[in-house]
PDB file of all heavy atoms in Angstrom:
ATOM      1  N   ASP A   1       0.830  -1.213   0.000  1.00  0.00           N
ATOM      2  CA  ASP A   1       0.000   0.000   0.000  1.00  0.00           C
ATOM      3  C   ASP A   1       0.858   1.255   0.000  1.00  0.00           C
ATOM      4  O   ASP A   1       0.541   2.256  -0.666  1.00  0.00           O
ATOM      5  CB  ASP A   1      -0.912   0.038   1.246  1.00  0.00           C
ATOM      6  CG  ASP A   1      -1.999  -1.030   1.199  1.00  0.00           C
ATOM      7  OD1 ASP A   1      -2.221  -1.601   0.113  1.00  0.00           O
ATOM      8  OD2 ASP A   1      -2.629  -1.280   2.248  1.00  0.00           O
ATOM      9  N   GLU A   2       1.962   1.221   0.762  1.00  0.00           N
ATOM     10  CA  GLU A   2       2.798   2.410   0.937  1.00  0.00           C
ATOM     11  C   GLU A   2       3.903   2.531  -0.108  1.00  0.00           C
ATOM     12  O   GLU A   2       4.677   3.486  -0.075  1.00  0.00           O
ATOM     13  CB  GLU A   2       3.419   2.394   2.347  1.00  0.00           C
ATOM     14  CG  GLU A   2       2.375   2.479   3.466  1.00  0.00           C
ATOM     15  CD  GLU A   2       2.994   2.298   4.840  1.00  0.00           C
ATOM     16  OE1 GLU A   2       4.163   2.676   5.014  1.00  0.00           O
ATOM     17  OE2 GLU A   2       2.303   1.768   5.726  1.00  0.00           O
ATOM     18  N   GLY A   3       3.990   1.547  -1.009  1.00  0.00           N
ATOM     19  CA  GLY A   3       5.020   1.604  -2.047  1.00  0.00           C
ATOM     20  C   GLY A   3       6.384   1.154  -1.570  1.00  0.00           C
ATOM     21  O   GLY A   3       7.389   1.338  -2.271  1.00  0.00           O
ATOM     22  N   ILE A   4       6.474   0.578  -0.379  1.00  0.00           N
ATOM     23  CA  ILE A   4       7.749   0.066   0.135  1.00  0.00           C
ATOM     24  C   ILE A   4       8.125  -1.203  -0.619  1.00  0.00           C
ATOM     25  O   ILE A   4       9.298  -1.488  -0.844  1.00  0.00           O
ATOM     26  CB  ILE A   4       7.638  -0.209   1.652  1.00  0.00           C
ATOM     27  CG1 ILE A   4       7.396   1.111   2.396  1.00  0.00           C
ATOM     28  CG2 ILE A   4       8.878  -0.907   2.191  1.00  0.00           C
ATOM     29  CD1 ILE A   4       7.012   0.936   3.851  1.00  0.00           C
ATOM     30  N   ILE A   5       7.099  -1.956  -1.008  1.00  0.00           N
ATOM     31  CA  ILE A   5       7.294  -3.150  -1.835  1.00  0.00           C
ATOM     32  C   ILE A   5       6.491  -2.977  -3.122  1.00  0.00           C
ATOM     33  O   ILE A   5       5.336  -2.549  -3.093  1.00  0.00           O
ATOM     34  CB  ILE A   5       6.832  -4.434  -1.091  1.00  0.00           C
ATOM     35  CG1 ILE A   5       7.795  -4.752   0.066  1.00  0.00           C
ATOM     36  CG2 ILE A   5       6.750  -5.624  -2.038  1.00  0.00           C
ATOM     37  CD1 ILE A   5       7.369  -5.938   0.902  1.00  0.00           C
ATOM     38  N   GLU A   6       7.088  -3.301  -4.234  1.00  0.00           N
ATOM     39  CA  GLU A   6       6.404  -3.271  -5.534  1.00  0.00           C
ATOM     40  C   GLU A   6       6.406  -4.673  -6.134  1.00  0.00           C
ATOM     41  O   GLU A   6       7.289  -5.478  -5.833  1.00  0.00           O
ATOM     42  CB  GLU A   6       7.097  -2.287  -6.483  1.00  0.00           C
ATOM     43  CG  GLU A   6       6.982  -0.832  -6.028  1.00  0.00           C
ATOM     44  CD  GLU A   6       7.720   0.114  -6.962  1.00  0.00           C
ATOM     45  OE1 GLU A   6       8.524  -0.376  -7.810  1.00  0.00           O
ATOM     46  OE2 GLU A   6       7.531   1.337  -6.841  1.00  0.00           O
ATOM     47  N   ILE A   7       5.398  -4.946  -6.968  1.00  0.00           N
ATOM     48  CA  ILE A   7       5.312  -6.259  -7.613  1.00  0.00           C
ATOM     49  C   ILE A   7       5.612  -6.103  -9.098  1.00  0.00           C
ATOM     50  O   ILE A   7       4.961  -5.333  -9.797  1.00  0.00           O
ATOM     51  CB  ILE A   7       3.907  -6.878  -7.418  1.00  0.00           C
ATOM     52  CG1 ILE A   7       3.580  -6.983  -5.920  1.00  0.00           C
ATOM     53  CG2 ILE A   7       3.817  -8.248  -8.071  1.00  0.00           C
ATOM     54  CD1 ILE A   7       2.155  -7.393  -5.612  1.00  0.00           C
ATOM     55  N   HIS A   8       6.629  -6.833  -9.576  1.00  0.00           N
ATOM     56  CA  HIS A   8       6.992  -6.830 -10.999  1.00  0.00           C
ATOM     57  C   HIS A   8       7.113  -8.274 -11.464  1.00  0.00           C
ATOM     58  O   HIS A   8       7.901  -9.035 -10.908  1.00  0.00           O
ATOM     59  CB  HIS A   8       8.333  -6.103 -11.223  1.00  0.00           C
ATOM     60  CG  HIS A   8       8.258  -4.635 -10.921  1.00  0.00           C
ATOM     61  ND1 HIS A   8       7.693  -3.717 -11.773  1.00  0.00           N
ATOM     62  CD2 HIS A   8       8.676  -3.938  -9.832  1.00  0.00           C
ATOM     63  CE1 HIS A   8       7.782  -2.511 -11.241  1.00  0.00           C
ATOM     64  NE2 HIS A   8       8.371  -2.622 -10.056  1.00  0.00           N
ATOM     65  N   ASP A   9       6.325  -8.625 -12.486  1.00  0.00           N
ATOM     66  CA  ASP A   9       6.379  -9.987 -13.047  1.00  0.00           C
ATOM     67  C   ASP A   9       6.281 -11.057 -11.945  1.00  0.00           C
ATOM     68  O   ASP A   9       7.100 -11.992 -11.877  1.00  0.00           O
ATOM     69  CB  ASP A   9       7.679 -10.188 -13.850  1.00  0.00           C
ATOM     70  CG  ASP A   9       7.772  -9.212 -15.009  1.00  0.00           C
ATOM     71  OD1 ASP A   9       6.715  -8.885 -15.591  1.00  0.00           O
ATOM     72  OD2 ASP A   9       8.895  -8.764 -15.308  1.00  0.00           O
ATOM     73  N   ASN A  10       5.303 -10.860 -11.079  1.00  0.00           N
ATOM     74  CA  ASN A  10       5.040 -11.809  -9.973  1.00  0.00           C
ATOM     75  C   ASN A  10       6.174 -11.910  -8.959  1.00  0.00           C
ATOM     76  O   ASN A  10       6.248 -12.864  -8.196  1.00  0.00           O
ATOM     77  CB  ASN A  10       4.712 -13.205 -10.513  1.00  0.00           C
ATOM     78  CG  ASN A  10       3.409 -13.213 -11.296  1.00  0.00           C
ATOM     79  OD1 ASN A  10       2.461 -12.532 -10.904  1.00  0.00           O
ATOM     80  ND2 ASN A  10       3.369 -13.955 -12.383  1.00  0.00           N
ATOM     81  N   ASP A  11       7.066 -10.929  -8.955  1.00  0.00           N
ATOM     82  CA  ASP A  11       8.148 -10.886  -7.952  1.00  0.00           C
ATOM     83  C   ASP A  11       7.959  -9.675  -7.038  1.00  0.00           C
ATOM     84  O   ASP A  11       7.534  -8.604  -7.480  1.00  0.00           O
ATOM     85  CB  ASP A  11       9.517 -10.770  -8.628  1.00  0.00           C
ATOM     86  CG  ASP A  11       9.954 -12.090  -9.253  1.00  0.00           C
ATOM     87  OD1 ASP A  11       9.494 -13.138  -8.759  1.00  0.00           O
ATOM     88  OD2 ASP A  11      10.728 -12.056 -10.220  1.00  0.00           O
ATOM     89  N   PHE A  12       8.294  -9.845  -5.765  1.00  0.00           N
ATOM     90  CA  PHE A  12       8.312  -8.712  -4.835  1.00  0.00           C
ATOM     91  C   PHE A  12       9.661  -8.003  -4.941  1.00  0.00           C
ATOM     92  O   PHE A  12      10.705  -8.651  -4.907  1.00  0.00           O
ATOM     93  CB  PHE A  12       8.123  -9.195  -3.387  1.00  0.00           C
ATOM     94  CG  PHE A  12       6.731  -9.688  -3.090  1.00  0.00           C
ATOM     95  CD1 PHE A  12       6.527 -10.971  -2.592  1.00  0.00           C
ATOM     96  CD2 PHE A  12       5.626  -8.868  -3.284  1.00  0.00           C
ATOM     97  CE1 PHE A  12       5.249 -11.422  -2.292  1.00  0.00           C
ATOM     98  CE2 PHE A  12       4.343  -9.315  -2.991  1.00  0.00           C
ATOM     99  CZ  PHE A  12       4.157 -10.598  -2.495  1.00  0.00           C
ATOM    100  N   ARG A  13       9.614  -6.676  -5.028  1.00  0.00           N
ATOM    101  CA  ARG A  13      10.861  -5.890  -5.046  1.00  0.00           C
ATOM    102  C   ARG A  13      10.787  -4.798  -3.989  1.00  0.00           C
ATOM    103  O   ARG A  13       9.811  -4.052  -3.930  1.00  0.00           O
ATOM    104  CB  ARG A  13      11.087  -5.252  -6.418  1.00  0.00           C
ATOM    105  CG  ARG A  13      11.353  -6.288  -7.509  1.00  0.00           C
ATOM    106  CD  ARG A  13      11.635  -5.628  -8.836  1.00  0.00           C
ATOM    107  NE  ARG A  13      11.769  -6.612  -9.911  1.00  0.00           N
ATOM    108  CZ  ARG A  13      11.948  -6.286 -11.186  1.00  0.00           C
ATOM    109  NH1 ARG A  13      12.006  -5.009 -11.561  1.00  0.00           N
ATOM    110  NH2 ARG A  13      12.071  -7.237 -12.098  1.00  0.00           N
ATOM    111  N   VAL A  14      11.817  -4.719  -3.176  1.00  0.00           N
ATOM    112  CA  VAL A  14      11.869  -3.700  -2.126  1.00  0.00           C
ATOM    113  C   VAL A  14      12.374  -2.392  -2.729  1.00  0.00           C
ATOM    114  O   VAL A  14      13.349  -2.372  -3.470  1.00  0.00           O
ATOM    115  CB  VAL A  14      12.817  -4.151  -0.991  1.00  0.00           C
ATOM    116  CG1 VAL A  14      12.910  -3.079   0.086  1.00  0.00           C
ATOM    117  CG2 VAL A  14      12.330  -5.458  -0.388  1.00  0.00           C
ATOM    118  N   THR A  15      11.681  -1.286  -2.399  1.00  0.00           N
ATOM    119  CA  THR A  15      12.100   0.034  -2.901  1.00  0.00           C
ATOM    120  C   THR A  15      12.918   0.757  -1.833  1.00  0.00           C
ATOM    121  O   THR A  15      13.035   0.284  -0.695  1.00  0.00           O
ATOM    122  CB  THR A  15      10.873   0.888  -3.269  1.00  0.00           C
ATOM    123  OG1 THR A  15      10.184   1.249  -2.072  1.00  0.00           O
ATOM    124  CG2 THR A  15       9.929   0.129  -4.188  1.00  0.00           C
ATOM    125  N   GLU A  16      13.438   1.913  -2.183  1.00  0.00           N
ATOM    126  CA  GLU A  16      14.266   2.676  -1.233  1.00  0.00           C
ATOM    127  C   GLU A  16      13.459   3.187  -0.032  1.00  0.00           C
ATOM    128  O   GLU A  16      14.027   3.561   0.997  1.00  0.00           O
ATOM    129  CB  GLU A  16      14.918   3.867  -1.949  1.00  0.00           C
ATOM    130  CG  GLU A  16      13.898   4.816  -2.561  1.00  0.00           C
ATOM    131  CD  GLU A  16      14.558   5.910  -3.395  1.00  0.00           C
ATOM    132  OE1 GLU A  16      15.714   5.742  -3.815  1.00  0.00           O
ATOM    133  OE2 GLU A  16      13.876   6.923  -3.616  1.00  0.00           O
ATOM    134  N   LYS A  17      12.125   3.153  -0.146  1.00  0.00           N
ATOM    135  CA  LYS A  17      11.274   3.598   0.975  1.00  0.00           C
ATOM    136  C   LYS A  17      11.410   2.685   2.199  1.00  0.00           C
ATOM    137  O   LYS A  17      10.942   3.027   3.285  1.00  0.00           O
ATOM    138  CB  LYS A  17       9.811   3.653   0.550  1.00  0.00           C
ATOM    139  CG  LYS A  17       9.500   4.758  -0.453  1.00  0.00           C
ATOM    140  CD  LYS A  17       8.004   4.787  -0.782  1.00  0.00           C
ATOM    141  CE  LYS A  17       7.685   5.881  -1.792  1.00  0.00           C
ATOM    142  NZ  LYS A  17       6.237   5.919  -2.115  1.00  0.00           N
ATOM    143  N   ILE A  18      12.038   1.528   2.023  1.00  0.00           N
ATOM    144  CA  ILE A  18      12.217   0.587   3.137  1.00  0.00           C
ATOM    145  C   ILE A  18      12.989   1.236   4.280  1.00  0.00           C
ATOM    146  O   ILE A  18      12.808   0.891   5.451  1.00  0.00           O
ATOM    147  CB  ILE A  18      12.941  -0.712   2.655  1.00  0.00           C
ATOM    148  CG1 ILE A  18      12.889  -1.814   3.754  1.00  0.00           C
ATOM    149  CG2 ILE A  18      14.385  -0.417   2.288  1.00  0.00           C
ATOM    150  CD1 ILE A  18      11.541  -2.350   4.016  1.00  0.00           C
ATOM    151  N   ASN A  19      13.844   2.236   3.937  1.00  0.00           N
ATOM    152  CA  ASN A  19      14.670   2.892   4.965  1.00  0.00           C
ATOM    153  C   ASN A  19      13.834   3.727   5.931  1.00  0.00           C
ATOM    154  O   ASN A  19      14.245   3.981   7.056  1.00  0.00           O
ATOM    155  CB  ASN A  19      15.734   3.777   4.297  1.00  0.00           C
ATOM    156  CG  ASN A  19      16.678   2.949   3.437  1.00  0.00           C
ATOM    157  OD1 ASN A  19      17.126   1.891   3.856  1.00  0.00           O
ATOM    158  ND2 ASN A  19      16.937   3.409   2.215  1.00  0.00           N
ATOM    159  N   GLN A  20      12.653   4.166   5.466  1.00  0.00           N
ATOM    160  CA  GLN A  20      11.766   4.971   6.332  1.00  0.00           C
ATOM    161  C   GLN A  20      10.585   4.135   6.862  1.00  0.00           C
ATOM    162  O   GLN A  20       9.661   4.665   7.468  1.00  0.00           O
ATOM    163  CB  GLN A  20      11.212   6.179   5.578  1.00  0.00           C
ATOM    164  CG  GLN A  20      12.230   7.282   5.302  1.00  0.00           C
ATOM    165  CD  GLN A  20      13.089   6.962   4.083  1.00  0.00           C
ATOM    166  OE1 GLN A  20      12.561   6.517   3.067  1.00  0.00           O
ATOM    167  NE2 GLN A  20      14.386   7.203   4.193  1.00  0.00           N
ATOM    168  N   ALA A  21      10.617   2.814   6.635  1.00  0.00           N
ATOM    169  CA  ALA A  21       9.471   1.971   7.021  1.00  0.00           C
ATOM    170  C   ALA A  21       9.334   1.898   8.535  1.00  0.00           C
ATOM    171  O   ALA A  21      10.317   1.808   9.261  1.00  0.00           O
ATOM    172  CB  ALA A  21       9.642   0.563   6.453  1.00  0.00           C
ATOM    173  N   SER A  22       8.088   1.957   8.960  1.00  0.00           N
ATOM    174  CA  SER A  22       7.773   1.822  10.387  1.00  0.00           C
ATOM    175  C   SER A  22       6.769   0.674  10.530  1.00  0.00           C
ATOM    176  O   SER A  22       5.662   0.743  10.017  1.00  0.00           O
ATOM    177  CB  SER A  22       7.169   3.113  10.933  1.00  0.00           C
ATOM    178  OG  SER A  22       6.762   2.948  12.266  1.00  0.00           O
ATOM    179  N   ILE A  23       7.189  -0.365  11.219  1.00  0.00           N
ATOM    180  CA  ILE A  23       6.328  -1.539  11.349  1.00  0.00           C
ATOM    181  C   ILE A  23       5.555  -1.452  12.665  1.00  0.00           C
ATOM    182  O   ILE A  23       6.156  -1.383  13.736  1.00  0.00           O
ATOM    183  CB  ILE A  23       7.152  -2.845  11.330  1.00  0.00           C
ATOM    184  CG1 ILE A  23       7.956  -2.933  10.031  1.00  0.00           C
ATOM    185  CG2 ILE A  23       6.239  -4.060  11.479  1.00  0.00           C
ATOM    186  CD1 ILE A  23       8.882  -4.123   9.966  1.00  0.00           C
ATOM    187  N   PRO A  24       4.234  -1.420  12.602  1.00  0.00           N
ATOM    188  CA  PRO A  24       3.430  -1.379  13.838  1.00  0.00           C
ATOM    189  C   PRO A  24       3.717  -2.601  14.713  1.00  0.00           C
ATOM    190  O   PRO A  24       4.124  -3.657  14.224  1.00  0.00           O
ATOM    191  CB  PRO A  24       1.985  -1.404  13.314  1.00  0.00           C
ATOM    192  CG  PRO A  24       2.073  -0.868  11.920  1.00  0.00           C
ATOM    193  CD  PRO A  24       3.394  -1.356  11.397  1.00  0.00           C
ATOM    194  N   GLU A  25       3.487  -2.446  16.015  1.00  0.00           N
ATOM    195  CA  GLU A  25       3.866  -3.491  16.967  1.00  0.00           C
ATOM    196  C   GLU A  25       2.854  -4.634  17.042  1.00  0.00           C
ATOM    197  O   GLU A  25       3.186  -5.723  17.474  1.00  0.00           O
ATOM    198  CB  GLU A  25       4.050  -2.875  18.361  1.00  0.00           C
ATOM    199  CG  GLU A  25       5.248  -1.937  18.425  1.00  0.00           C
ATOM    200  CD  GLU A  25       5.453  -1.397  19.830  1.00  0.00           C
ATOM    201  OE1 GLU A  25       4.725  -1.837  20.745  1.00  0.00           O
ATOM    202  OE2 GLU A  25       6.340  -0.548  20.009  1.00  0.00           O
ATOM    203  N   THR A  26       1.591  -4.377  16.670  1.00  0.00           N
ATOM    204  CA  THR A  26       0.571  -5.433  16.768  1.00  0.00           C
ATOM    205  C   THR A  26      -0.149  -5.595  15.435  1.00  0.00           C
ATOM    206  O   THR A  26      -0.145  -4.698  14.589  1.00  0.00           O
ATOM    207  CB  THR A  26      -0.488  -5.100  17.843  1.00  0.00           C
ATOM    208  OG1 THR A  26      -1.245  -3.960  17.413  1.00  0.00           O
ATOM    209  CG2 THR A  26       0.159  -4.796  19.192  1.00  0.00           C
ATOM    210  N   ILE A  27      -0.794  -6.757  15.274  1.00  0.00           N
ATOM    211  CA  ILE A  27      -1.571  -7.029  14.061  1.00  0.00           C
ATOM    212  C   ILE A  27      -2.696  -6.004  13.905  1.00  0.00           C
ATOM    213  O   ILE A  27      -2.942  -5.493  12.809  1.00  0.00           O
ATOM    214  CB  ILE A  27      -2.165  -8.461  14.107  1.00  0.00           C
ATOM    215  CG1 ILE A  27      -1.061  -9.504  14.050  1.00  0.00           C
ATOM    216  CG2 ILE A  27      -3.150  -8.672  12.971  1.00  0.00           C
ATOM    217  CD1 ILE A  27      -0.292  -9.546  12.748  1.00  0.00           C
ATOM    218  N   ASN A  28      -3.370  -5.683  15.018  1.00  0.00           N
ATOM    219  CA  ASN A  28      -4.458  -4.697  14.952  1.00  0.00           C
ATOM    220  C   ASN A  28      -3.970  -3.352  14.425  1.00  0.00           C
ATOM    221  O   ASN A  28      -4.656  -2.696  13.632  1.00  0.00           O
ATOM    222  CB  ASN A  28      -5.091  -4.506  16.340  1.00  0.00           C
ATOM    223  CG  ASN A  28      -6.117  -5.580  16.646  1.00  0.00           C
ATOM    224  OD1 ASN A  28      -6.156  -6.613  15.969  1.00  0.00           O
ATOM    225  ND2 ASN A  28      -6.932  -5.359  17.652  1.00  0.00           N
ATOM    226  N   GLU A  29      -2.800  -2.941  14.885  1.00  0.00           N
ATOM    227  CA  GLU A  29      -2.239  -1.660  14.428  1.00  0.00           C
ATOM    228  C   GLU A  29      -1.923  -1.708  12.934  1.00  0.00           C
ATOM    229  O   GLU A  29      -2.106  -0.722  12.226  1.00  0.00           O
ATOM    230  CB  GLU A  29      -0.990  -1.312  15.229  1.00  0.00           C
ATOM    231  CG  GLU A  29      -1.299  -0.867  16.655  1.00  0.00           C
ATOM    232  CD  GLU A  29      -0.043  -0.627  17.466  1.00  0.00           C
ATOM    233  OE1 GLU A  29       1.054  -0.578  16.866  1.00  0.00           O
ATOM    234  OE2 GLU A  29      -0.156  -0.489  18.694  1.00  0.00           O
ATOM    235  N   VAL A  30      -1.436  -2.850  12.471  1.00  0.00           N
ATOM    236  CA  VAL A  30      -1.146  -3.009  11.039  1.00  0.00           C
ATOM    237  C   VAL A  30      -2.437  -2.846  10.232  1.00  0.00           C
ATOM    238  O   VAL A  30      -2.497  -2.116   9.245  1.00  0.00           O
ATOM    239  CB  VAL A  30      -0.526  -4.393  10.734  1.00  0.00           C
ATOM    240  CG1 VAL A  30      -0.327  -4.575   9.231  1.00  0.00           C
ATOM    241  CG2 VAL A  30       0.799  -4.546  11.452  1.00  0.00           C
ATOM    242  N   ILE A  31      -3.486  -3.556  10.690  1.00  0.00           N
ATOM    243  CA  ILE A  31      -4.773  -3.514   9.978  1.00  0.00           C
ATOM    244  C   ILE A  31      -5.330  -2.097   9.976  1.00  0.00           C
ATOM    245  O   ILE A  31      -5.733  -1.571   8.931  1.00  0.00           O
ATOM    246  CB  ILE A  31      -5.779  -4.488  10.633  1.00  0.00           C
ATOM    247  CG1 ILE A  31      -5.320  -5.930  10.422  1.00  0.00           C
ATOM    248  CG2 ILE A  31      -7.184  -4.296  10.052  1.00  0.00           C
ATOM    249  CD1 ILE A  31      -6.031  -6.947  11.294  1.00  0.00           C
ATOM    250  N   LEU A  32      -5.347  -1.451  11.154  1.00  0.00           N
ATOM    251  CA  LEU A  32      -5.935  -0.114  11.255  1.00  0.00           C
ATOM    252  C   LEU A  32      -5.129   0.927  10.494  1.00  0.00           C
ATOM    253  O   LEU A  32      -5.698   1.895   9.978  1.00  0.00           O
ATOM    254  CB  LEU A  32      -6.074   0.283  12.734  1.00  0.00           C
ATOM    255  CG  LEU A  32      -7.102  -0.526  13.522  1.00  0.00           C
ATOM    256  CD1 LEU A  32      -7.108  -0.109  14.987  1.00  0.00           C
ATOM    257  CD2 LEU A  32      -8.494  -0.374  12.932  1.00  0.00           C
ATOM    258  N   SER A  33      -3.813   0.710  10.394  1.00  0.00           N
ATOM    259  CA  SER A  33      -3.001   1.647   9.604  1.00  0.00           C
ATOM    260  C   SER A  33      -3.369   1.558   8.124  1.00  0.00           C
ATOM    261  O   SER A  33      -3.382   2.559   7.416  1.00  0.00           O
ATOM    262  CB  SER A  33      -1.506   1.372   9.803  1.00  0.00           C
ATOM    263  OG  SER A  33      -1.127   0.159   9.174  1.00  0.00           O
ATOM    264  N   ARG A  34      -3.722   0.348   7.675  1.00  0.00           N
ATOM    265  CA  ARG A  34      -4.177   0.175   6.280  1.00  0.00           C
ATOM    266  C   ARG A  34      -5.541   0.847   6.080  1.00  0.00           C
ATOM    267  O   ARG A  34      -5.776   1.491   5.072  1.00  0.00           O
ATOM    268  CB  ARG A  34      -4.280  -1.311   5.924  1.00  0.00           C
ATOM    269  CG  ARG A  34      -2.960  -2.052   5.927  1.00  0.00           C
ATOM    270  CD  ARG A  34      -3.111  -3.408   5.256  1.00  0.00           C
ATOM    271  NE  ARG A  34      -3.336  -3.264   3.834  1.00  0.00           N
ATOM    272  CZ  ARG A  34      -3.920  -4.168   3.061  1.00  0.00           C
ATOM    273  NH1 ARG A  34      -4.378  -5.282   3.578  1.00  0.00           N
ATOM    274  NH2 ARG A  34      -4.063  -3.959   1.769  1.00  0.00           N
ATOM    275  N   VAL A  35      -6.414   0.656   7.057  1.00  0.00           N
ATOM    276  CA  VAL A  35      -7.759   1.247   6.969  1.00  0.00           C
ATOM    277  C   VAL A  35      -7.667   2.775   6.960  1.00  0.00           C
ATOM    278  O   VAL A  35      -8.378   3.450   6.202  1.00  0.00           O
ATOM    279  CB  VAL A  35      -8.643   0.761   8.141  1.00  0.00           C
ATOM    280  CG1 VAL A  35      -9.985   1.501   8.173  1.00  0.00           C
ATOM    281  CG2 VAL A  35      -8.876  -0.743   8.030  1.00  0.00           C
TER     282      VAL A  35
END
């Protein structure tokens, strides 16, 4: 969703945005951040 990972030809590719990625601590936080 945030463009940190892109899909090309059925492959996952990590973009430079990975350096600013913030991973929520719980599953609920991950879901609500998407919402």
